[in-house]
Amino acid sequence: MNLKPMPFVAALFIISVATTFSQETISQEAPKKAAPLTVAPQRAFSIGVTGAYGMMLNSVSEFVLPTVPTCCPGYSSTTGGGFIGGAEFDLPLASGIDLVGRLVYQSSGATFSASEPTTVRLGNQAVQTSFEHSLQTTTSFVMLEPMLDYRVTGGLSLFAGVRLGATLSASYVQKETFSDPSIPFDYADGTAVRNNTSGDIPNTSGFQMGMVFGARYRLPMNAAGSVSLVPELSFSPMFTNVVTDASWKIFPIRFGLSILFDVMSEERVGSPLKP
């Protein structure tokens, strides 16, 4: 039997299989590379400082200081001025909604005045005049203001929240004089001023509570928008009195300005590996 052609046939078979395998390998697509990861900066929170001038609405009803001697029948509401300033922290909760926390110091000064008609006799003549009652007050408070800030459009947002705080100090200066200083009359102590007293306001309320709501606008100060100048207008009605046993509340109308700095975090975004 002639077996000499077998090695030749085996060689042809091996060459054929190798050629087919190499063609299939070449015909397959090269695996796709994963898309590169991209870094998307996100605002983690904002911190800053805030300051405002407060037009202080002093709401009273026939007000006099308790335990302080006076002949005044009662003061009416008046306006004053003061400063509000402190620190701010903003935490994003959802798209366009921030939780805002402020810790602020508030000072306020106001002068109450009231006229009391009276008649005095100069020689044989009765003269109509009046007693002028004056009460100057100075107060200071520390307030925590948690709020929600809702972005309406662009940089414009509306905010609302509560005010919780404490009275730091409260003092007064009080006096009574004739409205016409030319009248040659003195009081019993030989001066032209009566009930001229000063000191700490008695019976102040230690706890203060109220609300705050208003609007503000973010103005970017750099190309990245991470630093903002934020003017605002707000109103703060209060629920508690300045003193415990008299009707006296201070409602600030605030014209404010804040500087906020955004602290960013990096979120890596990319596509999964494809076969």
Foldseek 3Di string as FASTA:
>chain_A
DDPVCVVVVVVVVVVVVVVVVVVVVVPDDDFDDFWDKDKDKDFAKKKWKKKWKWWKWKAFDQDDFPPQDDPDSRWGIDIWIKMKIFMKMWGDDDVQKIWIKTKIKIKIKDKTKDWAWDWDDDPPDIDIWTKIKIKIKIWMKIWIWIKMWGHDDAFKIKMKTKIKIFTDFMKMWIWIAIPDVVPPDPDPVRHRIPSGDMDGRPQFDGIWMWMKIWMKGWDQDDPVSQKTKIWIWMKIWTDDARGHPGDITIIITIGMIMIMGTDIDIDIDTGDGDD
